[in-house]
Amino acid sequence: MASFIRQFTSSAVLPIASSTSNSFVDIPIPSFIISNSKSATWLYTTVAIVGALLLLEQSVYRSKKKHLPGDSWTIPIIGKFADSMKPTMEGYMKQWNSGALSAISVFNIFIVMASSNEYSRKILNSPAHAEPCLVHSAKQILMPDNWVFLNGKSHVEYRKVLNTLFTRKALSIYIGIQDAIARKHFSQWLADAQKDPSPQSIMMTARHLNMITSLRVFCGDHIPEHGAIEISEKYWDITQALELVNFPLAVPGTKVYRAIQARKVAIKWLELAASKAKTSVANGCEPECMLDEWVKELEAPGYKGRKDFSDREMAMVVFSFLFASQDAMSSGLIYGFQHLADNPDILAKIREEQYRVRAGDVDKPITLEMLEQMPYLKAFVKESMRVKPPVTMVPYRTTKAFPISNDYTVPANSMVIPSFYNSLHDPSVFPEHDKLIPDRWLDPNSSANTNPRNYLVFGSGPHKCVGIEYATMNIGLVLATASVLMDWEHHITPESDQVQIIATLFPKDGCLMKFAPRPRP
C-alpha cells in the first residue's frame, strides 16, 4: 500500500511540476471538446453579427422615422410585409388616421404615407423631389423605361403627343367603337342570364368588356381576335402582381414572374399593332383607332414635338393605358352598376335623362353631342368615383431628400405615398361624405365644385391621368346604354359593402347581379 501511495503521489505531481516547461500540451484532449468549442465560437459570432445587423436595422428605421406616427420598432427584415400581402381599407384608414404623415417599413423599404390633401398634393406636384413608382414591382412589370416613370423633358415629349389622343376629334372616333362593343356584350350578358338566372359576379365580365373595348379603341383591327383574347386572359396576372408590396424577386411561381410573362405576350401584340398603324396611315387610311390617330398627329403640319416613337415605345404606352382601363376603369364601372342598383331613385333619374336625350330611340348609337346633354349622368359618374375611388393612393419614390414639411424631410430613396381617399371624403368639402349624392355636382356654387383641389380621383400635377375624358366617357356610356337596355338587381351579401384591394378597389363579393332585358319605351 505504501509503495502504491508513493507511486501515485509521484505520478500526480509530475504534470504540475512540468507545467512551466510546456509539457502540459502533451496531455491528450478529446477531439469533441475542440469541435464543440469551434462550433460555439462560430455560433456566438453569427448571433452577434445578426444581432448587430438587426439592431442597425432598427436604428436606421427610427432615425428615418424621427417623430412621425408609426410603430416604434419594425418587425425584423420583413416589417409590415404580412399586412401588405392582404391590405384592407380598415388597415389603411388606421394608418391615415394616425397622422397627416406616418411611417412604416416593408422589406427595409422605408415608406412615408401622406393622408392630408396638402401633403398629398405636394408629393404629386414635386417632380424635382419624387417620381412615380406606382408599386415596388411596377418597373419590373411595366418596364423601367415606360413613359409613366419618366420625368422632365422626356416625359413632356410624351404628354405633348398623348394629349392630342384625347381631344374632341379623337374621342369622336372612339365613342362609336365603345357603343358598339358595349351593346354586343350586353346581348351576351342577357343571353347568359336567360340560361342561368341566378346572381352572377360581374367582376370578370365587366373587366372583359373593358379590355376588349380598350384594345379596339387603342389598336383597332391591328390586333387579331385571338390576340385580343390572349391579352385579356393573361392580363389578370398583371393586375394581381401590382400590389403595394410584393415578393421582391421575380422567380418562377411568384406573382411578379407570371406578370412579366404576361407582359411579354401583350407587348408582342401591341408592337405588331403599332407597326400596322404606321403602315395603314402611310397608305393613306383615315384613323380608326388611337394608334392610327397617334401616327397621324405626328405628321400634322402644326405638330412640333418628338416624332421618332418606335413600335416598342408606342406599345409600352398602350400597355400602360391598358393597366389603367383594366383596373381603374373596371373598378369605376363595377361600382357604378352596384351604386345604381342600390339607389333606384338615382337610376330612375338617369333613365329619364336617357329617354329624353335619345328621344325614346334606345337603339340609336350615343354621340359626344348626346353625352353633353346628360349632366346628371356625368354628375353620377363623378360622385360614384368619389365615394369609391378606384385608386386610393399612388406610390412615389424620392429621388433626393424631400423637405415635405417644416419639421420633417423624407430621406432619399424612400417610398412616399399620397392618399386620395381622405381628400375625397373630407366632410368640410363633401357634407355627408359617405353618401352618394350626384346633385352636389350640379350646383356650381357647392363646396364640391368650389374645392377642385380635393377631387383627386385622377391625381394631380405633371403625372395626372392623361385619359380622364376617355375613362369617364366610357363609364358613363356603358352605364347609360345599360340603363335603357337592361334591368339589374344587386344580390346583397355581407361582403357587398366590404372592399378588396387588387391594385384598385372592388366589392369583396365580386358584385353579384341578375340581369334581364328592359321593355322598350
Protein backbone atom coordinates (compact mmCIF):
# COMPACT_ATOMS: atom_id res chain seq x y z
CA MET A 1 0.00 0.00 0.00
CA ALA A 2 2.79 2.44 0.94
CA SER A 3 4.61 1.82 -2.34
CA PHE A 4 1.31 2.35 -4.21
CA ILE A 5 0.79 5.70 -2.46
CA ARG A 6 4.33 6.77 -3.26
CA GLN A 7 3.86 5.79 -6.92
CA PHE A 8 0.51 7.65 -7.20
CA THR A 9 1.88 10.76 -5.49
CA SER A 10 4.92 10.80 -7.70
CA SER A 11 2.91 10.47 -10.93
CA ALA A 12 0.37 13.04 -9.79
CA VAL A 13 2.94 15.66 -9.06
CA LEU A 14 4.75 15.39 -12.38
CA PRO A 15 2.23 17.30 -14.55
CA ILE A 16 2.08 20.15 -12.09
CA ALA A 17 5.81 20.40 -11.75
CA SER A 18 6.30 20.27 -15.51
CA SER A 19 3.64 22.87 -16.32
CA THR A 20 6.29 25.52 -16.64
CA SER A 21 8.10 23.50 -19.29
CA ASN A 22 5.13 23.29 -21.77
CA SER A 23 4.76 19.57 -21.28
CA PHE A 24 1.09 20.20 -20.34
CA VAL A 25 0.23 20.40 -24.03
CA ASP A 26 1.24 16.82 -24.39
CA ILE A 27 -1.80 15.71 -22.44
CA PRO A 28 -4.35 14.35 -24.96
CA ILE A 29 -7.63 16.39 -25.17
CA PRO A 30 -10.70 14.70 -26.59
CA SER A 31 -11.48 15.96 -30.16
CA PHE A 32 -15.18 16.53 -29.47
CA ILE A 33 -14.25 19.25 -26.96
CA ILE A 34 -12.23 21.14 -29.61
CA SER A 35 -15.03 20.68 -32.18
CA ASN A 36 -17.69 21.94 -29.80
CA SER A 37 -15.53 24.89 -28.87
CA LYS A 38 -15.12 25.94 -32.51
CA SER A 39 -18.83 25.47 -33.22
CA ALA A 40 -19.73 27.57 -30.23
CA THR A 41 -17.37 30.31 -31.38
CA TRP A 42 -18.96 30.39 -34.84
CA LEU A 43 -22.43 30.30 -33.31
CA TYR A 44 -21.72 33.19 -30.96
CA THR A 45 -20.07 35.16 -33.75
CA THR A 46 -23.02 34.60 -36.11
CA VAL A 47 -25.52 35.54 -33.42
CA ALA A 48 -23.52 38.66 -32.62
CA ILE A 49 -23.37 39.72 -36.30
CA VAL A 50 -27.09 39.04 -36.88
CA GLY A 51 -27.96 40.85 -33.67
CA ALA A 52 -25.84 43.83 -34.69
CA LEU A 53 -27.47 43.95 -38.13
CA LEU A 54 -30.95 43.78 -36.64
CA LEU A 55 -30.06 46.49 -34.17
CA LEU A 56 -28.69 48.58 -37.04
CA GLU A 57 -31.91 47.98 -38.99
CA GLN A 58 -33.99 49.26 -36.08
CA SER A 59 -31.69 52.24 -35.58
CA VAL A 60 -31.89 53.22 -39.25
CA TYR A 61 -35.68 52.89 -39.21
CA ARG A 62 -36.04 55.02 -36.08
CA SER A 63 -33.56 57.57 -37.45
CA LYS A 64 -35.59 57.94 -40.66
CA LYS A 65 -38.93 57.88 -38.88
CA LYS A 66 -37.99 60.54 -36.31
CA HIS A 67 -41.19 61.88 -34.71
CA LEU A 68 -43.66 60.57 -37.28
CA PRO A 69 -46.50 58.35 -36.07
CA GLY A 70 -45.90 54.66 -36.70
CA ASP A 71 -44.56 51.61 -34.93
CA SER A 72 -41.66 52.40 -32.61
CA TRP A 73 -39.93 49.22 -33.78
CA THR A 74 -40.26 47.42 -37.10
CA ILE A 75 -40.53 43.65 -37.44
CA PRO A 76 -37.02 42.46 -38.38
CA ILE A 77 -36.36 42.24 -42.12
CA ILE A 78 -39.98 41.90 -43.34
CA GLY A 79 -41.53 44.85 -41.49
CA LYS A 80 -45.23 45.22 -42.43
CA PHE A 81 -44.96 42.67 -45.25
CA ALA A 82 -47.65 40.42 -43.77
CA ASP A 83 -50.13 43.32 -43.66
CA SER A 84 -49.28 44.41 -47.19
CA MET A 85 -49.97 40.93 -48.59
CA LYS A 86 -53.67 41.32 -47.77
CA PRO A 87 -54.30 45.05 -47.49
CA THR A 88 -57.62 46.27 -46.15
CA MET A 89 -59.33 49.64 -46.15
CA GLU A 90 -59.55 49.36 -42.37
CA GLY A 91 -55.78 48.98 -42.19
CA TYR A 92 -55.20 51.93 -44.50
CA MET A 93 -57.69 54.07 -42.59
CA LYS A 94 -55.92 53.28 -39.33
CA GLN A 95 -52.60 54.35 -40.87
CA TRP A 96 -54.05 57.52 -42.42
CA ASN A 97 -55.82 58.48 -39.21
CA SER A 98 -52.60 58.18 -37.23
CA GLY A 99 -51.36 61.47 -38.69
CA ALA A 100 -51.05 63.66 -41.77
CA LEU A 101 -47.69 61.93 -42.27
CA SER A 102 -46.86 58.50 -40.87
CA ALA A 103 -44.15 55.89 -41.37
CA ILE A 104 -43.87 52.14 -41.94
CA SER A 105 -41.21 49.78 -43.26
CA VAL A 106 -41.57 46.74 -45.55
CA PHE A 107 -38.55 44.64 -46.52
CA ASN A 108 -36.39 47.57 -45.41
CA ILE A 109 -38.25 49.88 -47.81
CA PHE A 110 -38.91 52.97 -45.73
CA ILE A 111 -42.38 54.32 -46.51
CA VAL A 112 -43.95 57.65 -45.60
CA MET A 113 -47.72 57.82 -46.07
CA ALA A 114 -49.47 61.17 -46.53
CA SER A 115 -53.15 61.39 -45.64
CA SER A 116 -53.91 65.11 -45.90
CA ASN A 117 -54.81 66.96 -49.09
CA GLU A 118 -51.94 69.39 -48.53
CA TYR A 119 -49.20 66.76 -48.30
CA SER A 120 -50.71 64.52 -50.97
CA ARG A 121 -50.81 67.36 -53.49
CA LYS A 122 -47.30 68.42 -52.52
CA ILE A 123 -45.97 64.97 -53.40
CA LEU A 124 -47.88 64.88 -56.69
CA ASN A 125 -46.61 68.33 -57.63
CA SER A 126 -42.92 67.94 -56.68
CA PRO A 127 -41.23 66.20 -59.64
CA ALA A 128 -37.86 67.60 -58.54
CA HIS A 129 -38.03 65.51 -55.36
CA ALA A 130 -40.17 62.46 -56.18
CA GLU A 131 -41.03 60.31 -59.18
CA PRO A 132 -43.92 57.86 -59.58
CA CYS A 133 -43.04 54.24 -58.97
CA LEU A 134 -46.67 53.02 -58.77
CA VAL A 135 -45.82 49.94 -56.70
CA HIS A 136 -42.50 48.33 -55.85
CA SER A 137 -42.85 45.71 -58.59
CA ALA A 138 -44.20 48.10 -61.23
CA LYS A 139 -40.92 48.79 -63.02
CA GLN A 140 -40.28 45.08 -63.36
CA ILE A 141 -43.71 44.57 -64.88
CA LEU A 142 -44.34 47.74 -66.89
CA MET A 143 -40.60 48.08 -67.72
CA PRO A 144 -38.39 50.82 -66.26
CA ASP A 145 -38.29 52.92 -69.44
CA ASN A 146 -42.07 53.10 -69.69
CA TRP A 147 -43.23 56.69 -70.11
CA VAL A 148 -45.15 56.66 -66.80
CA PHE A 149 -41.82 56.57 -64.91
CA LEU A 150 -40.15 59.36 -66.87
CA ASN A 151 -39.63 62.90 -65.63
CA GLY A 152 -38.61 66.21 -67.13
CA LYS A 153 -38.25 66.80 -70.86
CA SER A 154 -38.64 63.17 -71.90
CA HIS A 155 -41.95 62.94 -70.03
CA VAL A 156 -43.15 66.24 -71.50
CA GLU A 157 -42.40 64.98 -75.03
CA TYR A 158 -44.69 62.02 -74.48
CA ARG A 159 -47.51 64.07 -72.97
CA LYS A 160 -47.29 66.55 -75.84
CA VAL A 161 -48.46 63.93 -78.32
CA LEU A 162 -50.58 61.86 -75.91
CA ASN A 163 -52.71 64.88 -75.07
CA THR A 164 -53.74 65.03 -78.73
CA LEU A 165 -55.15 61.49 -78.43
CA PHE A 166 -57.90 62.65 -76.10
CA THR A 167 -59.17 65.72 -77.95
CA ARG A 168 -62.78 66.03 -79.02
CA LYS A 169 -61.80 64.93 -82.53
CA ALA A 170 -60.14 61.78 -81.20
CA LEU A 171 -62.92 60.97 -78.74
CA SER A 172 -65.46 61.18 -81.57
CA ILE A 173 -63.60 58.26 -83.22
CA TYR A 174 -63.56 56.19 -80.05
CA ILE A 175 -67.18 56.64 -78.93
CA GLY A 176 -68.63 54.67 -81.83
CA ILE A 177 -66.35 51.72 -81.01
CA GLN A 178 -67.28 51.92 -77.33
CA ASP A 179 -71.01 51.98 -78.00
CA ALA A 180 -70.95 49.03 -80.41
CA ILE A 181 -68.86 46.82 -78.10
CA ALA A 182 -70.99 47.64 -75.04
CA ARG A 183 -74.18 46.63 -76.89
CA LYS A 184 -72.58 43.40 -78.09
CA HIS A 185 -71.53 42.46 -74.56
CA PHE A 186 -74.92 43.34 -73.08
CA SER A 187 -76.56 40.95 -75.55
CA GLN A 188 -74.22 38.22 -74.28
CA TRP A 189 -74.91 39.12 -70.64
CA LEU A 190 -78.65 38.83 -71.23
CA ALA A 191 -78.24 35.52 -73.08
CA ASP A 192 -76.17 34.13 -70.22
CA ALA A 193 -78.73 35.38 -67.68
CA GLN A 194 -81.52 33.61 -69.55
CA LYS A 195 -79.62 30.32 -69.31
CA ASP A 196 -78.80 30.85 -65.63
CA PRO A 197 -80.95 33.49 -63.88
CA SER A 198 -79.12 33.18 -60.55
CA PRO A 199 -77.00 36.14 -59.37
CA GLN A 200 -73.57 36.15 -61.02
CA SER A 201 -70.42 38.11 -60.24
CA ILE A 202 -69.76 40.84 -62.80
CA MET A 203 -66.13 41.19 -61.72
CA MET A 204 -64.62 39.40 -64.71
CA THR A 205 -67.38 40.10 -67.23
CA ALA A 206 -67.03 43.86 -66.68
CA ARG A 207 -63.25 43.56 -66.89
CA HIS A 208 -63.54 41.64 -70.16
CA LEU A 209 -65.88 44.29 -71.56
CA ASN A 210 -63.36 46.96 -70.65
CA MET A 211 -60.40 45.02 -72.06
CA ILE A 212 -61.99 44.38 -75.43
CA THR A 213 -63.25 47.98 -75.60
CA SER A 214 -59.82 49.38 -74.79
CA LEU A 215 -57.98 47.08 -77.18
CA ARG A 216 -60.26 48.06 -80.05
CA VAL A 217 -60.19 51.77 -79.15
CA PHE A 218 -56.40 51.75 -78.81
CA CYS A 219 -55.46 49.27 -81.55
CA GLY A 220 -58.50 48.87 -83.81
CA ASP A 221 -58.28 45.80 -86.01
CA HIS A 222 -54.47 45.83 -85.93
CA ILE A 223 -54.70 43.04 -83.32
CA PRO A 224 -56.46 39.82 -84.46
CA GLU A 225 -59.29 38.36 -82.38
CA HIS A 226 -57.18 35.56 -80.93
CA GLY A 227 -54.52 38.10 -79.93
CA ALA A 228 -57.08 40.22 -78.09
CA ILE A 229 -58.37 37.14 -76.27
CA GLU A 230 -54.85 36.11 -75.29
CA ILE A 231 -54.08 39.56 -73.88
CA SER A 232 -57.39 39.63 -71.99
CA GLU A 233 -56.78 36.22 -70.43
CA LYS A 234 -53.17 36.97 -69.48
CA TYR A 235 -53.74 40.46 -68.11
CA TRP A 236 -55.27 39.23 -64.86
CA ASP A 237 -51.79 38.01 -63.85
CA ILE A 238 -50.54 41.58 -64.23
CA THR A 239 -53.33 43.00 -62.10
CA GLN A 240 -52.69 40.51 -59.30
CA ALA A 241 -48.98 41.35 -59.22
CA LEU A 242 -49.41 45.11 -58.96
CA GLU A 243 -49.84 45.10 -55.19
CA LEU A 244 -48.35 47.83 -53.00
CA VAL A 245 -45.60 45.47 -51.85
CA ASN A 246 -44.83 42.10 -53.37
CA PHE A 247 -42.20 39.38 -53.02
CA PRO A 248 -39.10 41.25 -54.22
CA LEU A 249 -37.69 38.57 -56.57
CA ALA A 250 -39.27 37.61 -59.90
CA VAL A 251 -38.68 33.87 -59.55
CA PRO A 252 -40.89 31.19 -61.15
CA GLY A 253 -44.09 30.69 -59.20
CA THR A 254 -44.33 34.26 -57.91
CA LYS A 255 -46.97 36.77 -58.98
CA VAL A 256 -44.35 39.13 -60.40
CA TYR A 257 -42.82 36.37 -62.54
CA ARG A 258 -46.22 35.44 -64.01
CA ALA A 259 -46.95 39.11 -64.65
CA ILE A 260 -43.69 39.57 -66.56
CA GLN A 261 -44.53 36.59 -68.77
CA ALA A 262 -47.98 38.07 -69.42
CA ARG A 263 -46.44 41.43 -70.27
CA LYS A 264 -44.18 39.80 -72.87
CA VAL A 265 -47.24 38.34 -74.58
CA ALA A 266 -49.10 41.66 -74.56
CA ILE A 267 -46.14 43.72 -75.79
CA LYS A 268 -45.63 41.34 -78.71
CA TRP A 269 -49.17 42.02 -79.96
CA LEU A 270 -49.04 45.75 -79.20
CA GLU A 271 -45.78 46.22 -81.12
CA LEU A 272 -47.39 44.48 -84.07
CA ALA A 273 -50.36 46.85 -83.81
CA ALA A 274 -48.09 49.91 -83.73
CA SER A 275 -46.28 48.72 -86.84
CA LYS A 276 -49.55 48.09 -88.67
CA ALA A 277 -50.88 51.52 -87.69
CA LYS A 278 -47.83 53.19 -89.22
CA THR A 279 -48.33 51.21 -92.42
CA SER A 280 -52.06 51.99 -92.53
CA VAL A 281 -51.58 55.75 -92.18
CA ALA A 282 -48.70 55.69 -94.67
CA ASN A 283 -51.08 54.08 -97.16
CA GLY A 284 -53.50 56.99 -96.77
CA CYS A 285 -56.11 55.35 -94.50
CA GLU A 286 -58.04 57.58 -92.11
CA PRO A 287 -57.56 56.96 -88.36
CA GLU A 288 -59.84 54.29 -86.93
CA CYS A 289 -58.21 53.86 -83.52
CA MET A 290 -55.86 55.59 -81.08
CA LEU A 291 -52.63 54.25 -82.62
CA ASP A 292 -53.76 55.49 -86.05
CA GLU A 293 -54.54 58.89 -84.54
CA TRP A 294 -51.09 58.99 -82.88
CA VAL A 295 -49.30 58.31 -86.16
CA LYS A 296 -51.50 60.84 -87.96
CA GLU A 297 -50.80 63.55 -85.36
CA LEU A 298 -47.04 63.09 -85.78
CA GLU A 299 -47.47 64.04 -89.44
CA ALA A 300 -49.68 67.08 -88.76
CA PRO A 301 -48.12 70.37 -90.01
CA GLY A 302 -48.63 72.12 -86.68
CA TYR A 303 -47.08 69.39 -84.54
CA LYS A 304 -43.62 70.39 -83.32
CA GLY A 305 -42.87 67.65 -80.79
CA ARG A 306 -40.91 64.46 -80.99
CA LYS A 307 -41.77 62.25 -83.97
CA ASP A 308 -39.47 59.23 -83.77
CA PHE A 309 -41.53 56.95 -81.48
CA SER A 310 -40.57 53.31 -82.03
CA ASP A 311 -43.05 50.45 -82.16
CA ARG A 312 -41.85 49.37 -78.72
CA GLU A 313 -42.34 52.83 -77.20
CA MET A 314 -45.84 53.07 -78.61
CA ALA A 315 -46.59 49.56 -77.37
CA MET A 316 -45.44 50.45 -73.85
CA VAL A 317 -47.75 53.48 -73.80
CA VAL A 318 -50.74 51.37 -74.86
CA PHE A 319 -49.72 48.78 -72.28
CA SER A 320 -49.84 51.42 -69.54
CA PHE A 321 -53.24 52.58 -70.82
CA LEU A 322 -54.49 49.00 -70.59
CA PHE A 323 -53.40 48.91 -66.96
CA ALA A 324 -55.49 52.00 -66.24
CA SER A 325 -58.50 50.77 -68.20
CA GLN A 326 -58.39 47.26 -66.76
CA ASP A 327 -58.11 48.30 -63.14
CA ALA A 328 -59.24 51.87 -62.52
CA MET A 329 -61.94 51.89 -65.20
CA SER A 330 -63.22 48.41 -64.31
CA SER A 331 -63.46 49.40 -60.66
CA GLY A 332 -65.38 52.54 -61.57
CA LEU A 333 -67.75 50.61 -63.84
CA ILE A 334 -68.47 47.79 -61.36
CA TYR A 335 -69.18 50.22 -58.54
CA GLY A 336 -71.31 52.23 -60.96
CA PHE A 337 -73.56 49.21 -61.54
CA GLN A 338 -73.68 48.50 -57.80
CA HIS A 339 -74.44 52.09 -56.82
CA LEU A 340 -77.27 52.37 -59.34
CA ALA A 341 -78.81 49.07 -58.25
CA ASP A 342 -78.63 50.14 -54.60
CA ASN A 343 -80.07 53.60 -55.35
CA PRO A 344 -83.13 53.10 -57.60
CA ASP A 345 -84.11 56.76 -57.30
CA ILE A 346 -80.79 57.77 -58.91
CA LEU A 347 -81.15 55.11 -61.59
CA ALA A 348 -84.66 56.42 -62.36
CA LYS A 349 -83.29 59.93 -62.90
CA ILE A 350 -80.59 58.61 -65.24
CA ARG A 351 -83.18 56.68 -67.25
CA GLU A 352 -85.42 59.72 -67.53
CA GLU A 353 -82.49 61.74 -68.86
CA GLN A 354 -81.59 58.97 -71.31
CA TYR A 355 -85.07 58.66 -72.77
CA ARG A 356 -85.31 62.43 -73.15
CA VAL A 357 -81.94 62.87 -74.88
CA ARG A 358 -82.37 59.78 -77.05
CA ALA A 359 -85.96 60.79 -77.89
CA GLY A 360 -87.05 57.27 -76.95
CA ASP A 361 -84.79 55.60 -79.53
CA VAL A 362 -82.65 53.27 -77.39
CA ASP A 363 -81.07 51.68 -80.46
CA LYS A 364 -79.51 54.94 -81.60
CA PRO A 365 -75.71 54.94 -81.01
CA ILE A 366 -74.64 57.52 -78.49
CA THR A 367 -72.58 60.52 -79.64
CA LEU A 368 -70.47 63.17 -77.96
CA GLU A 369 -73.22 65.70 -78.57
CA MET A 370 -75.71 63.44 -76.79
CA LEU A 371 -73.36 62.92 -73.84
CA GLU A 372 -73.07 66.67 -73.42
CA GLN A 373 -76.83 66.78 -72.85
CA MET A 374 -76.60 64.34 -69.94
CA PRO A 375 -75.39 66.39 -66.94
CA TYR A 376 -76.99 64.10 -64.38
CA LEU A 377 -75.18 61.06 -65.81
CA LYS A 378 -71.90 62.97 -65.65
CA ALA A 379 -72.61 64.03 -62.07
CA PHE A 380 -73.38 60.44 -61.07
CA VAL A 381 -70.14 59.07 -62.56
CA LYS A 382 -68.13 61.76 -60.79
CA GLU A 383 -69.87 61.10 -57.47
CA SER A 384 -69.66 57.31 -57.75
CA MET A 385 -65.90 57.53 -58.26
CA ARG A 386 -65.61 59.93 -55.34
CA VAL A 387 -67.41 57.60 -52.94
CA LYS A 388 -65.46 54.56 -54.11
CA PRO A 389 -62.29 55.91 -55.77
CA PRO A 390 -60.70 53.18 -57.89
CA VAL A 391 -57.23 54.37 -56.88
CA THR A 392 -56.77 55.31 -53.24
CA MET A 393 -53.05 56.11 -53.50
CA VAL A 394 -50.16 56.30 -55.97
CA PRO A 395 -46.70 55.47 -54.57
CA TYR A 396 -43.78 57.74 -55.43
CA ARG A 397 -40.05 57.34 -54.81
CA THR A 398 -37.94 60.19 -53.50
CA THR A 399 -35.03 60.92 -55.82
CA LYS A 400 -33.40 63.08 -53.15
CA ALA A 401 -34.14 64.31 -49.65
CA PHE A 402 -37.65 65.78 -49.74
CA PRO A 403 -38.44 68.53 -47.17
CA ILE A 404 -42.16 67.80 -47.18
CA SER A 405 -42.93 69.86 -44.06
CA ASN A 406 -41.25 72.39 -41.83
CA ASP A 407 -40.19 69.72 -39.35
CA TYR A 408 -39.70 66.60 -41.46
CA THR A 409 -37.65 65.61 -44.51
CA VAL A 410 -38.35 62.33 -46.28
CA PRO A 411 -34.99 60.56 -46.86
CA ALA A 412 -33.80 59.95 -50.42
CA ASN A 413 -34.71 56.60 -51.99
CA SER A 414 -37.73 56.20 -49.75
CA MET A 415 -41.26 55.48 -50.89
CA VAL A 416 -43.67 58.35 -50.27
CA ILE A 417 -47.36 57.68 -50.84
CA PRO A 418 -50.03 60.37 -51.31
CA SER A 419 -53.50 59.11 -50.45
CA PHE A 420 -56.65 60.28 -52.25
CA TYR A 421 -59.35 58.76 -50.08
CA ASN A 422 -59.28 61.32 -47.26
CA SER A 423 -59.39 64.24 -49.71
CA LEU A 424 -62.41 62.69 -51.41
CA HIS A 425 -64.17 62.11 -48.10
CA ASP A 426 -63.38 65.42 -46.41
CA PRO A 427 -66.66 66.30 -44.61
CA SER A 428 -65.93 70.02 -44.83
CA VAL A 429 -65.93 69.77 -48.64
CA PHE A 430 -68.36 66.89 -49.10
CA PRO A 431 -71.14 67.02 -46.48
CA GLU A 432 -72.49 63.51 -45.80
CA HIS A 433 -69.30 62.33 -47.45
CA ASP A 434 -70.16 58.62 -47.34
CA LYS A 435 -73.49 59.14 -49.13
CA LEU A 436 -73.93 59.03 -52.89
CA ILE A 437 -75.29 62.50 -53.80
CA PRO A 438 -74.85 63.29 -57.54
CA ASP A 439 -76.70 66.60 -57.11
CA ARG A 440 -73.74 68.06 -55.23
CA TRP A 441 -72.01 68.41 -58.64
CA LEU A 442 -74.96 70.13 -60.32
CA ASP A 443 -74.68 73.28 -58.19
CA PRO A 444 -71.72 75.37 -59.42
CA ASN A 445 -71.52 77.06 -56.01
CA SER A 446 -71.45 73.85 -53.96
CA SER A 447 -68.42 73.18 -51.78
CA ALA A 448 -67.62 70.20 -54.01
CA ASN A 449 -67.34 72.38 -57.12
CA THR A 450 -65.55 75.26 -55.37
CA ASN A 451 -62.85 72.95 -53.99
CA PRO A 452 -61.49 71.16 -57.06
CA ARG A 453 -58.19 70.54 -55.22
CA ASN A 454 -59.94 67.81 -53.25
CA TYR A 455 -61.09 65.81 -56.26
CA LEU A 456 -58.00 63.63 -56.63
CA VAL A 457 -59.63 60.66 -58.36
CA PHE A 458 -57.27 61.15 -61.32
CA GLY A 459 -54.32 62.56 -59.39
CA SER A 460 -52.69 65.95 -59.85
CA GLY A 461 -49.54 67.55 -61.17
CA PRO A 462 -47.34 66.57 -64.12
CA HIS A 463 -48.35 62.89 -63.88
CA LYS A 464 -52.09 63.50 -63.67
CA CYS A 465 -54.05 60.90 -65.64
CA VAL A 466 -53.96 61.84 -69.32
CA GLY A 467 -57.13 59.90 -70.20
CA ILE A 468 -59.66 61.46 -67.83
CA GLU A 469 -62.15 62.26 -70.59
CA TYR A 470 -61.86 58.78 -72.12
CA ALA A 471 -62.31 56.98 -68.78
CA THR A 472 -65.31 58.98 -67.61
CA MET A 473 -66.86 58.86 -71.08
CA ASN A 474 -66.56 55.08 -71.21
CA ILE A 475 -68.02 54.50 -67.74
CA GLY A 476 -70.87 56.93 -68.44
CA LEU A 477 -71.60 55.49 -71.87
CA VAL A 478 -71.71 51.89 -70.64
CA LEU A 479 -74.00 52.72 -67.69
CA ALA A 480 -76.23 54.95 -69.81
CA THR A 481 -76.74 52.33 -72.50
CA ALA A 482 -77.20 49.58 -69.90
CA SER A 483 -79.89 51.64 -68.16
CA VAL A 484 -82.14 51.68 -71.23
CA LEU A 485 -81.47 48.14 -72.44
CA MET A 486 -81.45 46.18 -69.17
CA ASP A 487 -82.82 45.92 -65.67
CA TRP A 488 -80.47 44.64 -62.99
CA GLU A 489 -80.81 43.57 -59.40
CA HIS A 490 -77.98 43.54 -56.87
CA HIS A 491 -77.80 40.42 -54.73
CA ILE A 492 -76.55 41.91 -51.47
CA THR A 493 -74.27 39.82 -49.25
CA PRO A 494 -72.41 40.62 -46.00
CA GLU A 495 -69.37 41.37 -48.20
CA SER A 496 -71.10 43.68 -50.68
CA ASP A 497 -70.02 46.82 -48.83
CA GLN A 498 -66.60 45.45 -47.95
CA VAL A 499 -63.64 46.24 -50.16
CA GLN A 500 -61.00 44.00 -51.66
CA ILE A 501 -57.89 45.73 -52.93
CA ILE A 502 -56.48 44.20 -56.11
CA ALA A 503 -54.40 47.11 -57.41
CA THR A 504 -57.70 49.05 -57.26
CA LEU A 505 -60.89 48.74 -55.21
CA PHE A 506 -63.58 46.14 -55.89
CA PRO A 507 -66.57 44.82 -53.93
CA LYS A 508 -65.37 41.90 -51.86
CA ASP A 509 -68.15 39.58 -53.10
CA GLY A 510 -67.43 40.34 -56.76
CA CYS A 511 -70.69 42.30 -57.14
CA LEU A 512 -73.45 39.73 -57.73
CA MET A 513 -76.04 40.86 -60.27
CA LYS A 514 -79.13 39.49 -62.03
CA PHE A 515 -79.77 41.00 -65.48
CA ALA A 516 -82.97 41.00 -67.51
CA PRO A 517 -83.97 42.72 -70.77
CA ARG A 518 -85.78 46.03 -70.27
CA PRO A 519 -89.00 46.72 -72.17
CA ARG A 520 -88.70 49.33 -74.91
CA PRO A 521 -90.26 52.72 -74.10
